[in-house]
Amino acid sequence: MKYLHIATYVVEELAAIRVAYPNMSIPDGADLSDMGFAPLREVAPPEAPPGSRVTLAQPALVEGEWLTQWAIVPIEGEELEAMRTAKNAEIKAARLAANRSTFTHAGKQIACDDLSRSDIDGTNGYITLYNALPPGWPGGWKAVDNTFVPIATVADWKAFYTSMFAAGNANFAKAQALKAQLAAATDGAGVAGVAW
């Protein structure tokens, strides 16, 4: 149980009061009003809205009972800059995840994870060097749904590769727009509101 020293608003655990008054026997739940202490009922903190935090405020006497109080304060200063830095890292991570997920070509979702991207880039390297599809080319690229997107010519391949580039470019543009929004945010709520 916690107690409030009414004159100073210092909150103490019963164990600390016992240490401060070693010559007294203070049982659990004791009335310590003659020592200037009142029981303090702890109230759970509210949830802070995005861009703010909850901080402990001065206890208040409510209907004859001392209760903990909470204040919701905006995030500012160094804490706001740390939040901005974390949000910037979140944007970068979201862009990387988007680039490593899929892209759309011919109405199909094409995997673009690290292994798939390596295969796509390797194939593109061959086609760039020789201006021809590789020997043994299967005639298309396998989509996420296990069907094949037909790619019968170098022009088809270029359209396929352009689709991947366009998706990556769109992810880059989205990240840049979000970073601009983040830079323009003037408070914690604005920073918290920037989301992929």
N, C-alpha and C. Protein backbone atom coordinates (compact mmCIF):
# COMPACT_ATOMS: atom_id res chain seq x y z
N MET A 1 0.84 -1.18 0.00
CA MET A 1 0.00 0.00 0.00
C MET A 1 0.88 1.24 0.00
N LYS A 2 0.41 2.27 -0.71
CA LYS A 2 1.15 3.52 -0.75
C LYS A 2 0.43 4.57 0.08
N TYR A 3 1.26 5.48 0.60
CA TYR A 3 0.73 6.59 1.40
C TYR A 3 1.23 7.90 0.82
N LEU A 4 0.40 8.92 0.98
CA LEU A 4 0.75 10.26 0.54
C LEU A 4 1.03 11.12 1.76
N HIS A 5 2.20 11.76 1.77
CA HIS A 5 2.49 12.74 2.83
C HIS A 5 1.80 14.02 2.38
N ILE A 6 0.75 14.37 3.08
CA ILE A 6 -0.16 15.42 2.63
C ILE A 6 0.53 16.78 2.52
N ALA A 7 1.46 17.09 3.39
CA ALA A 7 2.12 18.41 3.35
C ALA A 7 3.08 18.54 2.17
N THR A 8 3.71 17.45 1.78
CA THR A 8 4.74 17.52 0.73
C THR A 8 4.33 16.86 -0.59
N TYR A 9 3.24 16.12 -0.57
CA TYR A 9 2.78 15.34 -1.73
C TYR A 9 3.78 14.27 -2.15
N VAL A 10 4.63 13.85 -1.23
CA VAL A 10 5.56 12.75 -1.50
C VAL A 10 4.81 11.44 -1.26
N VAL A 11 4.94 10.53 -2.21
CA VAL A 11 4.29 9.22 -2.11
C VAL A 11 5.32 8.24 -1.57
N GLU A 12 4.92 7.49 -0.56
CA GLU A 12 5.83 6.53 0.07
C GLU A 12 5.16 5.17 0.18
N GLU A 13 5.98 4.14 0.04
CA GLU A 13 5.53 2.78 0.34
C GLU A 13 5.52 2.64 1.87
N LEU A 14 4.69 1.76 2.38
CA LEU A 14 4.64 1.52 3.83
C LEU A 14 6.01 1.08 4.34
N ALA A 15 6.72 0.28 3.56
CA ALA A 15 8.04 -0.19 3.98
C ALA A 15 9.00 0.98 4.19
N ALA A 16 8.93 1.99 3.33
CA ALA A 16 9.81 3.15 3.46
C ALA A 16 9.44 3.97 4.70
N ILE A 17 8.16 4.04 4.99
CA ILE A 17 7.72 4.77 6.20
C ILE A 17 8.23 4.04 7.44
N ARG A 18 8.15 2.73 7.42
CA ARG A 18 8.66 1.94 8.56
C ARG A 18 10.16 2.19 8.78
N VAL A 19 10.90 2.29 7.67
CA VAL A 19 12.34 2.55 7.77
C VAL A 19 12.58 3.95 8.33
N ALA A 20 11.77 4.92 7.91
CA ALA A 20 11.93 6.30 8.37
C ALA A 20 11.55 6.47 9.84
N TYR A 21 10.71 5.58 10.35
CA TYR A 21 10.28 5.62 11.75
C TYR A 21 10.60 4.28 12.42
N PRO A 22 11.88 4.01 12.65
CA PRO A 22 12.29 2.68 13.14
C PRO A 22 11.83 2.38 14.56
N ASN A 23 11.50 3.38 15.33
CA ASN A 23 11.09 3.16 16.72
C ASN A 23 9.59 2.94 16.87
N MET A 24 8.88 2.88 15.72
CA MET A 24 7.42 2.68 15.76
C MET A 24 7.08 1.34 15.13
N SER A 25 6.07 0.72 15.65
CA SER A 25 5.53 -0.49 15.05
C SER A 25 4.32 -0.07 14.22
N ILE A 26 4.45 -0.19 12.91
CA ILE A 26 3.38 0.25 12.02
C ILE A 26 2.81 -0.97 11.31
N PRO A 27 1.60 -1.39 11.70
CA PRO A 27 1.00 -2.58 11.07
C PRO A 27 0.48 -2.25 9.66
N ASP A 28 0.29 -3.27 8.87
CA ASP A 28 -0.31 -3.10 7.53
C ASP A 28 -1.68 -2.44 7.69
N GLY A 29 -1.97 -1.50 6.79
CA GLY A 29 -3.28 -0.84 6.80
C GLY A 29 -3.46 0.16 7.92
N ALA A 30 -2.37 0.56 8.57
CA ALA A 30 -2.46 1.46 9.72
C ALA A 30 -2.95 2.84 9.30
N ASP A 31 -3.65 3.51 10.20
CA ASP A 31 -4.05 4.91 10.01
C ASP A 31 -2.84 5.77 10.41
N LEU A 32 -2.27 6.44 9.44
CA LEU A 32 -1.07 7.23 9.69
C LEU A 32 -1.37 8.74 9.60
N SER A 33 -2.63 9.10 9.79
CA SER A 33 -3.01 10.51 9.67
C SER A 33 -2.33 11.37 10.72
N ASP A 34 -2.07 10.83 11.91
CA ASP A 34 -1.37 11.62 12.93
C ASP A 34 0.08 11.89 12.54
N MET A 35 0.60 11.16 11.57
CA MET A 35 1.97 11.36 11.08
C MET A 35 1.97 12.20 9.80
N GLY A 36 0.79 12.62 9.36
CA GLY A 36 0.68 13.44 8.15
C GLY A 36 0.53 12.64 6.87
N PHE A 37 0.27 11.33 6.99
CA PHE A 37 0.12 10.48 5.82
C PHE A 37 -1.34 10.06 5.65
N ALA A 38 -1.75 9.92 4.39
CA ALA A 38 -3.08 9.40 4.07
C ALA A 38 -2.91 8.28 3.06
N PRO A 39 -3.77 7.26 3.13
CA PRO A 39 -3.69 6.19 2.13
C PRO A 39 -3.90 6.77 0.72
N LEU A 40 -3.17 6.24 -0.22
CA LEU A 40 -3.29 6.70 -1.60
C LEU A 40 -3.74 5.52 -2.46
N ARG A 41 -4.90 5.70 -3.07
CA ARG A 41 -5.39 4.64 -3.96
C ARG A 41 -4.85 4.90 -5.36
N GLU A 42 -4.17 3.87 -5.89
CA GLU A 42 -3.59 4.01 -7.21
C GLU A 42 -4.65 3.77 -8.28
N VAL A 43 -4.71 4.69 -9.22
CA VAL A 43 -5.65 4.61 -10.33
C VAL A 43 -4.82 4.29 -11.58
N ALA A 44 -5.29 3.37 -12.36
CA ALA A 44 -4.57 2.98 -13.59
C ALA A 44 -4.46 4.16 -14.53
N PRO A 45 -3.33 4.30 -15.20
CA PRO A 45 -3.18 5.43 -16.13
C PRO A 45 -4.05 5.26 -17.35
N PRO A 46 -4.51 6.37 -17.92
CA PRO A 46 -5.27 6.27 -19.17
C PRO A 46 -4.33 5.94 -20.32
N GLU A 47 -4.89 5.57 -21.44
CA GLU A 47 -4.07 5.31 -22.62
C GLU A 47 -3.76 6.65 -23.28
N ALA A 48 -2.53 6.85 -23.64
CA ALA A 48 -2.13 8.10 -24.26
C ALA A 48 -2.49 8.09 -25.74
N PRO A 49 -3.06 9.18 -26.23
CA PRO A 49 -3.31 9.27 -27.67
C PRO A 49 -1.98 9.28 -28.42
N PRO A 50 -1.98 8.94 -29.70
CA PRO A 50 -0.73 8.96 -30.46
C PRO A 50 -0.06 10.33 -30.37
N GLY A 51 1.25 10.31 -30.18
CA GLY A 51 2.01 11.54 -30.12
C GLY A 51 2.05 12.20 -28.75
N SER A 52 1.55 11.50 -27.77
CA SER A 52 1.60 12.03 -26.40
C SER A 52 1.98 10.91 -25.47
N ARG A 53 2.21 11.27 -24.22
CA ARG A 53 2.53 10.26 -23.23
C ARG A 53 1.81 10.60 -21.94
N VAL A 54 1.69 9.61 -21.10
CA VAL A 54 1.04 9.78 -19.81
C VAL A 54 2.11 9.97 -18.76
N THR A 55 1.91 10.95 -17.90
CA THR A 55 2.86 11.18 -16.83
C THR A 55 2.10 11.31 -15.52
N LEU A 56 2.75 10.92 -14.45
CA LEU A 56 2.14 10.97 -13.14
C LEU A 56 2.01 12.43 -12.72
N ALA A 57 0.82 12.81 -12.25
CA ALA A 57 0.57 14.17 -11.78
C ALA A 57 0.40 14.16 -10.26
N GLN A 58 0.19 15.32 -9.70
CA GLN A 58 0.03 15.44 -8.25
C GLN A 58 -1.27 14.75 -7.83
N PRO A 59 -1.22 13.94 -6.77
CA PRO A 59 -2.44 13.27 -6.30
C PRO A 59 -3.52 14.30 -5.94
N ALA A 60 -4.76 13.85 -5.98
CA ALA A 60 -5.88 14.75 -5.67
C ALA A 60 -6.82 14.07 -4.68
N LEU A 61 -7.44 14.89 -3.85
CA LEU A 61 -8.45 14.42 -2.91
C LEU A 61 -9.78 14.44 -3.63
N VAL A 62 -10.36 13.25 -3.82
CA VAL A 62 -11.62 13.11 -4.53
C VAL A 62 -12.61 12.41 -3.61
N GLU A 63 -13.66 13.15 -3.22
CA GLU A 63 -14.69 12.62 -2.33
C GLU A 63 -14.09 11.96 -1.09
N GLY A 64 -13.13 12.66 -0.48
CA GLY A 64 -12.53 12.20 0.76
C GLY A 64 -11.46 11.13 0.62
N GLU A 65 -11.08 10.81 -0.60
CA GLU A 65 -10.08 9.77 -0.83
C GLU A 65 -8.97 10.33 -1.72
N TRP A 66 -7.72 10.09 -1.32
CA TRP A 66 -6.59 10.52 -2.14
C TRP A 66 -6.37 9.52 -3.27
N LEU A 67 -6.30 10.04 -4.48
CA LEU A 67 -6.14 9.20 -5.68
C LEU A 67 -4.94 9.67 -6.50
N THR A 68 -4.25 8.72 -7.12
CA THR A 68 -3.21 9.12 -8.07
C THR A 68 -3.90 9.81 -9.24
N GLN A 69 -3.19 10.73 -9.84
CA GLN A 69 -3.70 11.46 -10.99
C GLN A 69 -2.70 11.34 -12.13
N TRP A 70 -3.21 11.44 -13.32
CA TRP A 70 -2.37 11.31 -14.51
C TRP A 70 -2.60 12.49 -15.42
N ALA A 71 -1.57 12.89 -16.11
CA ALA A 71 -1.67 13.96 -17.09
C ALA A 71 -1.21 13.43 -18.44
N ILE A 72 -1.89 13.84 -19.47
CA ILE A 72 -1.48 13.50 -20.83
C ILE A 72 -0.75 14.72 -21.38
N VAL A 73 0.51 14.51 -21.74
CA VAL A 73 1.33 15.62 -22.22
C VAL A 73 1.84 15.32 -23.62
N PRO A 74 1.99 16.36 -24.43
CA PRO A 74 2.52 16.13 -25.78
C PRO A 74 3.99 15.72 -25.73
N ILE A 75 4.39 14.93 -26.69
CA ILE A 75 5.80 14.57 -26.83
C ILE A 75 6.49 15.74 -27.50
N GLU A 76 7.60 16.20 -26.90
CA GLU A 76 8.30 17.38 -27.40
C GLU A 76 9.81 17.18 -27.31
N GLY A 77 10.54 18.14 -27.86
CA GLY A 77 11.99 18.20 -27.70
C GLY A 77 12.71 16.96 -28.21
N GLU A 78 13.66 16.50 -27.39
CA GLU A 78 14.48 15.34 -27.77
C GLU A 78 13.63 14.09 -27.95
N GLU A 79 12.60 13.96 -27.15
CA GLU A 79 11.71 12.80 -27.26
C GLU A 79 10.98 12.82 -28.61
N LEU A 80 10.57 14.01 -29.05
CA LEU A 80 9.92 14.14 -30.35
C LEU A 80 10.90 13.81 -31.48
N GLU A 81 12.14 14.27 -31.35
CA GLU A 81 13.14 13.97 -32.38
C GLU A 81 13.45 12.47 -32.42
N ALA A 82 13.48 11.83 -31.26
CA ALA A 82 13.69 10.38 -31.22
C ALA A 82 12.52 9.66 -31.88
N MET A 83 11.32 10.16 -31.64
CA MET A 83 10.12 9.58 -32.27
C MET A 83 10.19 9.76 -33.79
N ARG A 84 10.64 10.93 -34.22
CA ARG A 84 10.77 11.21 -35.66
C ARG A 84 11.81 10.28 -36.29
N THR A 85 12.93 10.06 -35.61
CA THR A 85 13.98 9.17 -36.10
C THR A 85 13.45 7.74 -36.22
N ALA A 86 12.72 7.31 -35.21
CA ALA A 86 12.14 5.95 -35.24
C ALA A 86 11.13 5.82 -36.37
N LYS A 87 10.33 6.86 -36.60
CA LYS A 87 9.33 6.82 -37.67
C LYS A 87 10.02 6.78 -39.04
N ASN A 88 11.13 7.50 -39.18
CA ASN A 88 11.89 7.48 -40.43
C ASN A 88 12.41 6.06 -40.70
N ALA A 89 12.92 5.41 -39.66
CA ALA A 89 13.39 4.02 -39.80
C ALA A 89 12.22 3.10 -40.15
N GLU A 90 11.05 3.37 -39.59
CA GLU A 90 9.86 2.57 -39.89
C GLU A 90 9.47 2.71 -41.37
N ILE A 91 9.58 3.91 -41.90
CA ILE A 91 9.27 4.15 -43.32
C ILE A 91 10.25 3.37 -44.20
N LYS A 92 11.54 3.44 -43.86
CA LYS A 92 12.55 2.71 -44.64
C LYS A 92 12.29 1.21 -44.60
N ALA A 93 11.95 0.70 -43.42
CA ALA A 93 11.68 -0.74 -43.29
C ALA A 93 10.44 -1.13 -44.08
N ALA A 94 9.43 -0.28 -44.08
CA ALA A 94 8.20 -0.58 -44.83
C ALA A 94 8.48 -0.57 -46.33
N ARG A 95 9.30 0.36 -46.78
CA ARG A 95 9.66 0.40 -48.20
C ARG A 95 10.43 -0.87 -48.59
N LEU A 96 11.38 -1.26 -47.76
CA LEU A 96 12.16 -2.47 -48.04
C LEU A 96 11.23 -3.69 -48.08
N ALA A 97 10.31 -3.78 -47.12
CA ALA A 97 9.37 -4.91 -47.11
C ALA A 97 8.49 -4.91 -48.35
N ALA A 98 8.05 -3.73 -48.78
CA ALA A 98 7.22 -3.64 -49.98
C ALA A 98 8.02 -4.06 -51.22
N ASN A 99 9.26 -3.60 -51.28
CA ASN A 99 10.10 -3.98 -52.43
C ASN A 99 10.38 -5.48 -52.45
N ARG A 100 10.40 -6.11 -51.28
CA ARG A 100 10.70 -7.54 -51.20
C ARG A 100 9.44 -8.41 -51.18
N SER A 101 8.31 -7.83 -51.44
CA SER A 101 7.09 -8.64 -51.40
C SER A 101 6.71 -9.09 -52.81
N THR A 102 5.87 -8.34 -53.49
CA THR A 102 5.43 -8.71 -54.83
C THR A 102 5.29 -7.46 -55.70
N PHE A 103 5.17 -7.68 -56.99
CA PHE A 103 4.78 -6.62 -57.92
C PHE A 103 3.77 -7.24 -58.87
N THR A 104 3.03 -6.39 -59.54
CA THR A 104 1.98 -6.86 -60.45
C THR A 104 2.45 -6.73 -61.89
N HIS A 105 2.26 -7.81 -62.64
CA HIS A 105 2.51 -7.78 -64.08
C HIS A 105 1.45 -8.64 -64.75
N ALA A 106 0.85 -8.09 -65.78
CA ALA A 106 -0.20 -8.79 -66.54
C ALA A 106 -1.29 -9.31 -65.61
N GLY A 107 -1.62 -8.53 -64.60
CA GLY A 107 -2.69 -8.90 -63.67
C GLY A 107 -2.32 -9.97 -62.66
N LYS A 108 -1.06 -10.37 -62.63
CA LYS A 108 -0.60 -11.42 -61.71
C LYS A 108 0.37 -10.84 -60.70
N GLN A 109 0.38 -11.41 -59.50
CA GLN A 109 1.34 -11.03 -58.47
C GLN A 109 2.60 -11.87 -58.67
N ILE A 110 3.72 -11.17 -58.76
CA ILE A 110 5.02 -11.81 -58.97
C ILE A 110 5.85 -11.64 -57.70
N ALA A 111 6.40 -12.74 -57.20
CA ALA A 111 7.22 -12.67 -55.99
C ALA A 111 8.48 -11.87 -56.25
N CYS A 112 8.87 -11.06 -55.25
CA CYS A 112 10.07 -10.25 -55.38
C CYS A 112 10.92 -10.32 -54.12
N ASP A 113 10.85 -11.48 -53.44
CA ASP A 113 11.71 -11.70 -52.28
C ASP A 113 13.15 -11.77 -52.77
N ASP A 114 14.10 -11.89 -51.86
CA ASP A 114 15.52 -11.85 -52.24
C ASP A 114 15.88 -12.90 -53.29
N LEU A 115 15.40 -14.14 -53.13
CA LEU A 115 15.73 -15.19 -54.10
C LEU A 115 15.10 -14.89 -55.45
N SER A 116 13.84 -14.51 -55.45
CA SER A 116 13.16 -14.21 -56.71
C SER A 116 13.82 -13.04 -57.42
N ARG A 117 14.16 -12.00 -56.63
CA ARG A 117 14.80 -10.82 -57.22
C ARG A 117 16.15 -11.19 -57.83
N SER A 118 16.87 -12.07 -57.18
CA SER A 118 18.16 -12.53 -57.71
C SER A 118 17.96 -13.24 -59.05
N ASP A 119 16.93 -14.08 -59.11
CA ASP A 119 16.64 -14.78 -60.37
C ASP A 119 16.23 -13.80 -61.47
N ILE A 120 15.39 -12.83 -61.11
CA ILE A 120 14.95 -11.84 -62.09
C ILE A 120 16.15 -11.04 -62.60
N ASP A 121 16.98 -10.57 -61.67
CA ASP A 121 18.14 -9.77 -62.08
C ASP A 121 19.14 -10.60 -62.90
N GLY A 122 19.32 -11.86 -62.55
CA GLY A 122 20.21 -12.72 -63.33
C GLY A 122 19.70 -12.91 -64.75
N THR A 123 18.41 -13.14 -64.85
CA THR A 123 17.81 -13.30 -66.18
C THR A 123 17.94 -12.00 -66.96
N ASN A 124 17.68 -10.90 -66.29
CA ASN A 124 17.78 -9.59 -66.96
C ASN A 124 19.21 -9.33 -67.43
N GLY A 125 20.17 -9.73 -66.64
CA GLY A 125 21.57 -9.57 -67.05
C GLY A 125 21.87 -10.32 -68.33
N TYR A 126 21.38 -11.55 -68.40
CA TYR A 126 21.60 -12.36 -69.61
C TYR A 126 20.95 -11.69 -70.81
N ILE A 127 19.69 -11.29 -70.64
CA ILE A 127 18.95 -10.69 -71.76
C ILE A 127 19.61 -9.38 -72.19
N THR A 128 20.11 -8.61 -71.23
CA THR A 128 20.79 -7.35 -71.56
C THR A 128 22.07 -7.62 -72.35
N LEU A 129 22.83 -8.64 -71.94
CA LEU A 129 24.08 -8.96 -72.64
C LEU A 129 23.85 -9.49 -74.05
N TYR A 130 22.87 -10.35 -74.21
CA TYR A 130 22.72 -11.08 -75.48
C TYR A 130 21.50 -10.65 -76.31
N ASN A 131 20.69 -9.76 -75.76
CA ASN A 131 19.47 -9.32 -76.43
C ASN A 131 18.63 -10.51 -76.90
N ALA A 132 18.61 -11.54 -76.07
CA ALA A 132 17.84 -12.75 -76.36
C ALA A 132 17.43 -13.39 -75.05
N LEU A 133 16.36 -14.16 -75.11
CA LEU A 133 15.96 -14.92 -73.93
C LEU A 133 16.97 -16.05 -73.71
N PRO A 134 17.21 -16.45 -72.49
CA PRO A 134 18.23 -17.48 -72.22
C PRO A 134 17.86 -18.83 -72.85
N PRO A 135 18.87 -19.66 -73.14
CA PRO A 135 18.60 -21.01 -73.66
C PRO A 135 17.75 -21.79 -72.64
N GLY A 136 16.83 -22.55 -73.13
CA GLY A 136 15.97 -23.34 -72.27
C GLY A 136 14.90 -22.52 -71.55
N TRP A 137 14.69 -21.32 -72.02
CA TRP A 137 13.69 -20.43 -71.42
C TRP A 137 12.33 -21.11 -71.41
N PRO A 138 11.64 -21.13 -70.24
CA PRO A 138 10.36 -21.85 -70.16
C PRO A 138 9.18 -21.13 -70.79
N GLY A 139 9.39 -19.93 -71.30
CA GLY A 139 8.30 -19.23 -71.98
C GLY A 139 7.51 -18.30 -71.09
N GLY A 140 7.91 -18.20 -69.83
CA GLY A 140 7.18 -17.29 -68.94
C GLY A 140 7.79 -17.27 -67.56
N TRP A 141 7.12 -16.55 -66.65
CA TRP A 141 7.59 -16.43 -65.26
C TRP A 141 6.47 -16.88 -64.34
N LYS A 142 6.83 -17.66 -63.35
CA LYS A 142 5.84 -18.21 -62.43
C LYS A 142 5.33 -17.13 -61.48
N ALA A 143 4.03 -17.00 -61.40
CA ALA A 143 3.39 -16.02 -60.52
C ALA A 143 3.18 -16.63 -59.13
N VAL A 144 2.79 -15.79 -58.20
CA VAL A 144 2.56 -16.24 -56.83
C VAL A 144 1.48 -17.33 -56.78
N ASP A 145 0.49 -17.25 -57.65
CA ASP A 145 -0.60 -18.24 -57.65
C ASP A 145 -0.24 -19.53 -58.40
N ASN A 146 1.06 -19.69 -58.72
CA ASN A 146 1.60 -20.88 -59.40
C ASN A 146 1.19 -21.01 -60.86
N THR A 147 0.62 -19.98 -61.44
CA THR A 147 0.39 -19.95 -62.88
C THR A 147 1.58 -19.24 -63.52
N PHE A 148 1.67 -19.30 -64.84
CA PHE A 148 2.78 -18.65 -65.54
C PHE A 148 2.29 -17.43 -66.30
N VAL A 149 3.08 -16.36 -66.21
CA VAL A 149 2.86 -15.17 -67.02
C VAL A 149 3.66 -15.38 -68.30
N PRO A 150 3.01 -15.38 -69.46
CA PRO A 150 3.76 -15.61 -70.70
C PRO A 150 4.78 -14.50 -70.98
N ILE A 151 5.99 -14.90 -71.29
CA ILE A 151 7.06 -13.99 -71.72
C ILE A 151 7.77 -14.70 -72.87
N ALA A 152 7.36 -14.33 -74.09
CA ALA A 152 7.85 -15.05 -75.27
C ALA A 152 8.93 -14.30 -76.03
N THR A 153 9.07 -13.01 -75.76
CA THR A 153 10.03 -12.20 -76.52
C THR A 153 10.83 -11.31 -75.56
N VAL A 154 11.91 -10.72 -76.09
CA VAL A 154 12.69 -9.77 -75.29
C VAL A 154 11.80 -8.59 -74.91
N ALA A 155 10.94 -8.15 -75.82
CA ALA A 155 10.02 -7.03 -75.51
C ALA A 155 9.09 -7.41 -74.35
N ASP A 156 8.61 -8.66 -74.33
CA ASP A 156 7.78 -9.13 -73.21
C ASP A 156 8.57 -9.05 -71.91
N TRP A 157 9.84 -9.47 -72.00
CA TRP A 157 10.69 -9.44 -70.80
C TRP A 157 10.87 -7.99 -70.31
N LYS A 158 11.13 -7.10 -71.24
CA LYS A 158 11.33 -5.69 -70.87
C LYS A 158 10.07 -5.14 -70.18
N ALA A 159 8.92 -5.52 -70.67
CA ALA A 159 7.67 -5.07 -70.03
C ALA A 159 7.55 -5.66 -68.63
N PHE A 160 7.93 -6.93 -68.48
CA PHE A 160 7.92 -7.60 -67.18
C PHE A 160 8.87 -6.89 -66.21
N TYR A 161 10.10 -6.64 -66.66
CA TYR A 161 11.10 -5.99 -65.80
C TYR A 161 10.68 -4.56 -65.46
N THR A 162 10.06 -3.90 -66.42
CA THR A 162 9.56 -2.54 -66.19
C THR A 162 8.47 -2.53 -65.12
N SER A 163 7.66 -3.57 -65.08
CA SER A 163 6.63 -3.67 -64.04
C SER A 163 7.27 -3.73 -62.65
N MET A 164 8.35 -4.50 -62.54
CA MET A 164 9.05 -4.59 -61.26
C MET A 164 9.67 -3.23 -60.90
N PHE A 165 10.29 -2.60 -61.89
CA PHE A 165 10.88 -1.29 -61.65
C PHE A 165 9.81 -0.28 -61.22
N ALA A 166 8.68 -0.30 -61.89
CA ALA A 166 7.60 0.65 -61.58
C ALA A 166 7.10 0.47 -60.14
N ALA A 167 7.01 -0.79 -59.70
CA ALA A 167 6.56 -1.04 -58.32
C ALA A 167 7.59 -0.49 -57.33
N GLY A 168 8.87 -0.74 -57.60
CA GLY A 168 9.91 -0.21 -56.73
C GLY A 168 9.94 1.30 -56.74
N ASN A 169 9.74 1.89 -57.92
CA ASN A 169 9.72 3.33 -58.04
C ASN A 169 8.52 3.93 -57.28
N ALA A 170 7.38 3.26 -57.36
CA ALA A 170 6.19 3.72 -56.62
C ALA A 170 6.44 3.64 -55.11
N ASN A 171 7.11 2.58 -54.69
CA ASN A 171 7.44 2.45 -53.25
C ASN A 171 8.39 3.57 -52.83
N PHE A 172 9.36 3.89 -53.68
CA PHE A 172 10.28 4.99 -53.38
C PHE A 172 9.52 6.31 -53.28
N ALA A 173 8.64 6.58 -54.23
CA ALA A 173 7.87 7.83 -54.23
C ALA A 173 6.99 7.92 -52.98
N LYS A 174 6.39 6.81 -52.61
CA LYS A 174 5.56 6.80 -51.40
C LYS A 174 6.42 7.10 -50.17
N ALA A 175 7.60 6.48 -50.09
CA ALA A 175 8.49 6.73 -48.96
C ALA A 175 8.91 8.19 -48.91
N GLN A 176 9.22 8.77 -50.06
CA GLN A 176 9.62 10.17 -50.09
C GLN A 176 8.48 11.09 -49.64
N ALA A 177 7.26 10.79 -50.08
CA ALA A 177 6.11 11.59 -49.68
C ALA A 177 5.89 11.49 -48.17
N LEU A 178 6.05 10.29 -47.62
CA LEU A 178 5.88 10.11 -46.18
C LEU A 178 6.98 10.82 -45.41
N LYS A 179 8.21 10.80 -45.93
CA LYS A 179 9.30 11.50 -45.26
C LYS A 179 9.08 13.01 -45.29
N ALA A 180 8.50 13.53 -46.36
CA ALA A 180 8.17 14.95 -46.42
C ALA A 180 7.08 15.28 -45.40
N GLN A 181 6.09 14.41 -45.30
CA GLN A 181 5.02 14.58 -44.31
C GLN A 181 5.61 14.53 -42.90
N LEU A 182 6.55 13.63 -42.68
CA LEU A 182 7.21 13.50 -41.38
C LEU A 182 8.01 14.76 -41.05
N ALA A 183 8.73 15.29 -42.03
CA ALA A 183 9.53 16.51 -41.81
C ALA A 183 8.63 17.70 -41.50
N ALA A 184 7.43 17.72 -42.06
CA ALA A 184 6.50 18.84 -41.84
C ALA A 184 5.73 18.71 -40.52
N ALA A 185 5.73 17.54 -39.93
CA ALA A 185 4.98 17.33 -38.68
C ALA A 185 5.60 18.17 -37.56
N THR A 186 4.76 18.88 -36.85
CA THR A 186 5.25 19.78 -35.80
C THR A 186 5.03 19.26 -34.40
N ASP A 187 4.32 18.15 -34.29
CA ASP A 187 4.08 17.61 -32.95
C ASP A 187 4.03 16.08 -33.01
N GLY A 188 3.94 15.47 -31.84
CA GLY A 188 3.93 14.02 -31.75
C GLY A 188 2.77 13.36 -32.46
N ALA A 189 1.61 14.02 -32.42
CA ALA A 189 0.44 13.45 -33.11
C ALA A 189 0.68 13.42 -34.61
N GLY A 190 1.31 14.48 -35.13
CA GLY A 190 1.62 14.51 -36.56
C GLY A 190 2.61 13.46 -36.96
N VAL A 191 3.64 13.26 -36.13
CA VAL A 191 4.64 12.23 -36.40
C VAL A 191 4.00 10.84 -36.33
N ALA A 192 3.20 10.62 -35.29
CA ALA A 192 2.54 9.30 -35.13
C ALA A 192 1.58 9.01 -36.26
N GLY A 193 1.02 10.06 -36.87
CA GLY A 193 0.04 9.88 -37.94
C GLY A 193 0.65 9.48 -39.27
N VAL A 194 1.96 9.56 -39.40
CA VAL A 194 2.62 9.17 -40.66
C VAL A 194 2.70 7.64 -40.69
N ALA A 195 2.05 7.04 -41.65
CA ALA A 195 2.00 5.58 -41.69
C ALA A 195 2.04 5.09 -43.13
N TRP A 196 2.73 3.99 -43.34
CA TRP A 196 2.83 3.38 -44.67
C TRP A 196 1.46 2.87 -45.04
